[in-house]
Amino acid sequence: MTDLTPQLQTPSSDKKFNMSVQLTIDLPEDAFSILRTHPDSFIKEMRLAAAIKWFEIGQISQAKAAELADVNRQQFINALSRFQVSPIQMTLQ
């Protein structure tokens, strides 16, 4: 079951209004022991993997992907290497 519960954040210093959505994902009880990870690490890795995939298929830019993954641009580029994804994405026309 996925629960989409909007949670408002306070406006940032640049006067933009940010809104986040909290998702609840049901996983098997032994998922974290199978993956040998802590839930917090799993969440961070899942956000990164999703951002990398969306970047890889051309849905979002490198900057937006880094923002979604909650890492800086250099960290995102380093993660692309770990996932064997090229930092340069081209569209054939």
N, C-alpha and C. Protein backbone atom coordinates (compact mmCIF):
# COMPACT_ATOMS: atom_id res chain seq x y z
N MET A 1 0.85 -1.18 0.00
CA MET A 1 0.00 0.00 0.00
C MET A 1 0.89 1.24 0.00
N THR A 2 0.61 2.20 -0.86
CA THR A 2 1.37 3.43 -0.92
C THR A 2 0.50 4.57 -0.42
N ASP A 3 1.03 5.31 0.54
CA ASP A 3 0.30 6.41 1.15
C ASP A 3 0.94 7.72 0.71
N LEU A 4 0.20 8.56 -0.02
CA LEU A 4 0.70 9.86 -0.46
C LEU A 4 0.14 10.92 0.47
N THR A 5 0.99 11.40 1.36
CA THR A 5 0.57 12.39 2.33
C THR A 5 1.38 13.67 2.12
N PRO A 6 0.80 14.72 1.56
CA PRO A 6 1.55 15.96 1.37
C PRO A 6 1.97 16.55 2.71
N GLN A 7 3.20 17.01 2.77
CA GLN A 7 3.71 17.68 3.95
C GLN A 7 4.35 18.99 3.50
N LEU A 8 3.85 20.08 4.02
CA LEU A 8 4.37 21.39 3.63
C LEU A 8 5.62 21.71 4.42
N GLN A 9 6.59 22.31 3.72
CA GLN A 9 7.80 22.78 4.36
C GLN A 9 7.74 24.30 4.41
N THR A 10 8.53 24.89 5.29
CA THR A 10 8.55 26.35 5.37
C THR A 10 9.26 26.91 4.15
N PRO A 11 8.92 28.14 3.74
CA PRO A 11 9.60 28.75 2.59
C PRO A 11 11.09 28.87 2.86
N SER A 12 11.89 28.60 1.84
CA SER A 12 13.34 28.71 1.98
C SER A 12 13.77 30.17 1.88
N SER A 13 15.04 30.41 2.09
CA SER A 13 15.56 31.78 2.09
C SER A 13 15.42 32.47 0.74
N ASP A 14 15.30 31.69 -0.36
CA ASP A 14 15.15 32.32 -1.67
C ASP A 14 13.67 32.54 -2.02
N LYS A 15 12.81 32.49 -1.02
CA LYS A 15 11.39 32.83 -1.14
C LYS A 15 10.58 31.83 -1.97
N LYS A 16 11.16 30.68 -2.30
CA LYS A 16 10.39 29.65 -3.00
C LYS A 16 9.63 28.85 -1.96
N PHE A 17 8.48 28.33 -2.35
CA PHE A 17 7.69 27.52 -1.45
C PHE A 17 7.89 26.07 -1.85
N ASN A 18 8.44 25.27 -0.95
CA ASN A 18 8.72 23.87 -1.22
C ASN A 18 7.62 22.99 -0.64
N MET A 19 7.28 21.96 -1.38
CA MET A 19 6.31 20.99 -0.89
C MET A 19 6.90 19.61 -1.08
N SER A 20 6.77 18.77 -0.09
CA SER A 20 7.27 17.41 -0.22
C SER A 20 6.11 16.44 -0.04
N VAL A 21 6.31 15.24 -0.53
CA VAL A 21 5.32 14.19 -0.41
C VAL A 21 6.00 13.02 0.29
N GLN A 22 5.34 12.48 1.28
CA GLN A 22 5.87 11.33 1.99
C GLN A 22 5.22 10.08 1.43
N LEU A 23 6.03 9.09 1.05
CA LEU A 23 5.53 7.83 0.52
C LEU A 23 5.77 6.72 1.52
N THR A 24 4.82 5.84 1.65
CA THR A 24 4.97 4.66 2.48
C THR A 24 5.01 3.45 1.57
N ILE A 25 6.07 2.64 1.71
CA ILE A 25 6.24 1.46 0.86
C ILE A 25 6.30 0.23 1.76
N ASP A 26 5.46 -0.74 1.47
CA ASP A 26 5.48 -1.99 2.22
C ASP A 26 6.54 -2.91 1.62
N LEU A 27 7.46 -3.39 2.46
CA LEU A 27 8.50 -4.32 2.04
C LEU A 27 8.44 -5.55 2.93
N PRO A 28 8.94 -6.68 2.44
CA PRO A 28 9.00 -7.86 3.30
C PRO A 28 9.82 -7.56 4.56
N GLU A 29 9.47 -8.22 5.64
CA GLU A 29 10.11 -7.97 6.93
C GLU A 29 11.63 -8.14 6.87
N ASP A 30 12.12 -9.08 6.07
CA ASP A 30 13.54 -9.34 6.02
C ASP A 30 14.28 -8.59 4.90
N ALA A 31 13.62 -7.61 4.27
CA ALA A 31 14.22 -6.89 3.14
C ALA A 31 15.55 -6.24 3.50
N PHE A 32 15.65 -5.62 4.65
CA PHE A 32 16.87 -4.91 5.00
C PHE A 32 18.01 -5.86 5.35
N SER A 33 17.69 -7.01 5.93
CA SER A 33 18.75 -7.98 6.20
C SER A 33 19.22 -8.63 4.90
N ILE A 34 18.30 -8.87 3.97
CA ILE A 34 18.67 -9.42 2.66
C ILE A 34 19.58 -8.44 1.93
N LEU A 35 19.23 -7.17 1.97
CA LEU A 35 20.01 -6.14 1.29
C LEU A 35 21.23 -5.69 2.09
N ARG A 36 21.32 -6.17 3.32
CA ARG A 36 22.42 -5.81 4.23
C ARG A 36 22.55 -4.29 4.35
N THR A 37 21.44 -3.67 4.67
CA THR A 37 21.42 -2.22 4.80
C THR A 37 20.45 -1.80 5.90
N HIS A 38 20.61 -0.59 6.34
CA HIS A 38 19.74 0.03 7.33
C HIS A 38 18.63 0.77 6.57
N PRO A 39 17.43 0.89 7.10
CA PRO A 39 16.36 1.59 6.39
C PRO A 39 16.74 2.99 5.90
N ASP A 40 17.48 3.76 6.69
CA ASP A 40 17.88 5.09 6.25
C ASP A 40 18.80 5.04 5.03
N SER A 41 19.72 4.09 5.02
CA SER A 41 20.62 3.92 3.87
C SER A 41 19.83 3.46 2.64
N PHE A 42 18.86 2.59 2.87
CA PHE A 42 18.03 2.09 1.77
C PHE A 42 17.28 3.24 1.11
N ILE A 43 16.70 4.12 1.91
CA ILE A 43 15.94 5.25 1.38
C ILE A 43 16.83 6.15 0.54
N LYS A 44 18.01 6.46 1.05
CA LYS A 44 18.95 7.32 0.32
C LYS A 44 19.36 6.67 -1.00
N GLU A 45 19.64 5.37 -0.96
CA GLU A 45 20.04 4.65 -2.17
C GLU A 45 18.89 4.55 -3.18
N MET A 46 17.67 4.37 -2.69
CA MET A 46 16.51 4.29 -3.56
C MET A 46 16.27 5.63 -4.27
N ARG A 47 16.40 6.73 -3.54
CA ARG A 47 16.24 8.06 -4.16
C ARG A 47 17.30 8.28 -5.23
N LEU A 48 18.54 7.88 -4.92
CA LEU A 48 19.64 8.04 -5.87
C LEU A 48 19.40 7.18 -7.11
N ALA A 49 19.02 5.93 -6.92
CA ALA A 49 18.79 5.02 -8.05
C ALA A 49 17.66 5.53 -8.96
N ALA A 50 16.60 6.03 -8.36
CA ALA A 50 15.49 6.57 -9.16
C ALA A 50 15.94 7.79 -9.95
N ALA A 51 16.66 8.69 -9.30
CA ALA A 51 17.13 9.90 -9.98
C ALA A 51 18.08 9.55 -11.13
N ILE A 52 18.96 8.58 -10.90
CA ILE A 52 19.88 8.16 -11.96
C ILE A 52 19.11 7.56 -13.13
N LYS A 53 18.14 6.73 -12.85
CA LYS A 53 17.36 6.12 -13.94
C LYS A 53 16.61 7.18 -14.73
N TRP A 54 15.98 8.12 -14.05
CA TRP A 54 15.24 9.18 -14.75
C TRP A 54 16.18 10.06 -15.57
N PHE A 55 17.40 10.28 -15.07
CA PHE A 55 18.40 11.01 -15.85
C PHE A 55 18.81 10.18 -17.07
N GLU A 56 19.06 8.89 -16.86
CA GLU A 56 19.52 8.01 -17.93
C GLU A 56 18.53 7.95 -19.09
N ILE A 57 17.24 7.95 -18.80
CA ILE A 57 16.24 7.86 -19.88
C ILE A 57 15.81 9.24 -20.40
N GLY A 58 16.48 10.29 -19.89
CA GLY A 58 16.25 11.63 -20.42
C GLY A 58 15.04 12.35 -19.87
N GLN A 59 14.49 11.87 -18.78
CA GLN A 59 13.31 12.53 -18.20
C GLN A 59 13.67 13.80 -17.45
N ILE A 60 14.85 13.82 -16.83
CA ILE A 60 15.26 14.98 -16.04
C ILE A 60 16.72 15.31 -16.30
N SER A 61 17.09 16.53 -16.00
CA SER A 61 18.47 16.97 -16.17
C SER A 61 19.35 16.46 -15.04
N GLN A 62 20.65 16.59 -15.24
CA GLN A 62 21.61 16.20 -14.21
C GLN A 62 21.39 17.00 -12.93
N ALA A 63 21.14 18.30 -13.07
CA ALA A 63 20.92 19.16 -11.90
C ALA A 63 19.67 18.75 -11.13
N LYS A 64 18.59 18.49 -11.85
CA LYS A 64 17.35 18.07 -11.18
C LYS A 64 17.50 16.69 -10.55
N ALA A 65 18.23 15.81 -11.21
CA ALA A 65 18.45 14.48 -10.66
C ALA A 65 19.24 14.56 -9.35
N ALA A 66 20.26 15.39 -9.33
CA ALA A 66 21.05 15.58 -8.11
C ALA A 66 20.17 16.14 -7.00
N GLU A 67 19.31 17.08 -7.35
CA GLU A 67 18.39 17.67 -6.37
C GLU A 67 17.44 16.61 -5.81
N LEU A 68 16.86 15.78 -6.70
CA LEU A 68 15.95 14.72 -6.25
C LEU A 68 16.66 13.70 -5.36
N ALA A 69 17.92 13.41 -5.68
CA ALA A 69 18.69 12.45 -4.90
C ALA A 69 19.23 13.06 -3.61
N ASP A 70 19.08 14.36 -3.47
CA ASP A 70 19.56 15.08 -2.29
C ASP A 70 21.07 14.98 -2.12
N VAL A 71 21.77 15.14 -3.27
CA VAL A 71 23.24 15.18 -3.28
C VAL A 71 23.66 16.37 -4.13
N ASN A 72 24.93 16.77 -4.00
CA ASN A 72 25.40 17.84 -4.87
C ASN A 72 25.74 17.27 -6.25
N ARG A 73 25.99 18.14 -7.20
CA ARG A 73 26.20 17.71 -8.58
C ARG A 73 27.40 16.77 -8.71
N GLN A 74 28.50 17.07 -8.02
CA GLN A 74 29.69 16.23 -8.10
C GLN A 74 29.41 14.83 -7.53
N GLN A 75 28.70 14.77 -6.42
CA GLN A 75 28.34 13.47 -5.85
C GLN A 75 27.46 12.67 -6.82
N PHE A 76 26.57 13.38 -7.51
CA PHE A 76 25.70 12.70 -8.47
C PHE A 76 26.52 12.14 -9.63
N ILE A 77 27.46 12.93 -10.14
CA ILE A 77 28.32 12.46 -11.24
C ILE A 77 29.12 11.24 -10.79
N ASN A 78 29.63 11.26 -9.57
CA ASN A 78 30.36 10.10 -9.05
C ASN A 78 29.45 8.88 -8.95
N ALA A 79 28.21 9.08 -8.54
CA ALA A 79 27.26 7.97 -8.44
C ALA A 79 26.92 7.40 -9.81
N LEU A 80 26.88 8.25 -10.83
CA LEU A 80 26.62 7.76 -12.19
C LEU A 80 27.65 6.71 -12.58
N SER A 81 28.89 6.94 -12.22
CA SER A 81 29.96 5.99 -12.52
C SER A 81 29.71 4.65 -11.81
N ARG A 82 29.32 4.72 -10.55
CA ARG A 82 29.04 3.51 -9.78
C ARG A 82 27.90 2.70 -10.41
N PHE A 83 26.92 3.39 -11.01
CA PHE A 83 25.78 2.73 -11.65
C PHE A 83 26.03 2.47 -13.14
N GLN A 84 27.25 2.76 -13.59
CA GLN A 84 27.66 2.57 -14.98
C GLN A 84 26.76 3.31 -15.97
N VAL A 85 26.47 4.58 -15.64
CA VAL A 85 25.67 5.45 -16.50
C VAL A 85 26.55 6.63 -16.91
N SER A 86 26.55 6.93 -18.18
CA SER A 86 27.36 8.04 -18.68
C SER A 86 26.81 9.37 -18.19
N PRO A 87 27.70 10.29 -17.77
CA PRO A 87 27.23 11.61 -17.35
C PRO A 87 26.79 12.48 -18.53
N ILE A 88 27.10 12.04 -19.73
CA ILE A 88 26.74 12.79 -20.94
C ILE A 88 25.61 12.04 -21.62
N GLN A 89 24.47 12.67 -21.69
CA GLN A 89 23.30 12.07 -22.32
C GLN A 89 22.99 12.84 -23.60
N MET A 90 22.91 12.12 -24.72
CA MET A 90 22.63 12.77 -26.00
C MET A 90 21.34 12.20 -26.57
N THR A 91 20.62 13.06 -27.29
CA THR A 91 19.39 12.65 -27.97
C THR A 91 19.65 12.71 -29.46
N LEU A 92 19.44 11.60 -30.17
CA LEU A 92 19.60 11.59 -31.61
C LEU A 92 18.37 12.19 -32.26
N GLN A 93 18.63 13.06 -33.24
CA GLN A 93 17.50 13.70 -33.93
C GLN A 93 17.53 13.40 -35.39
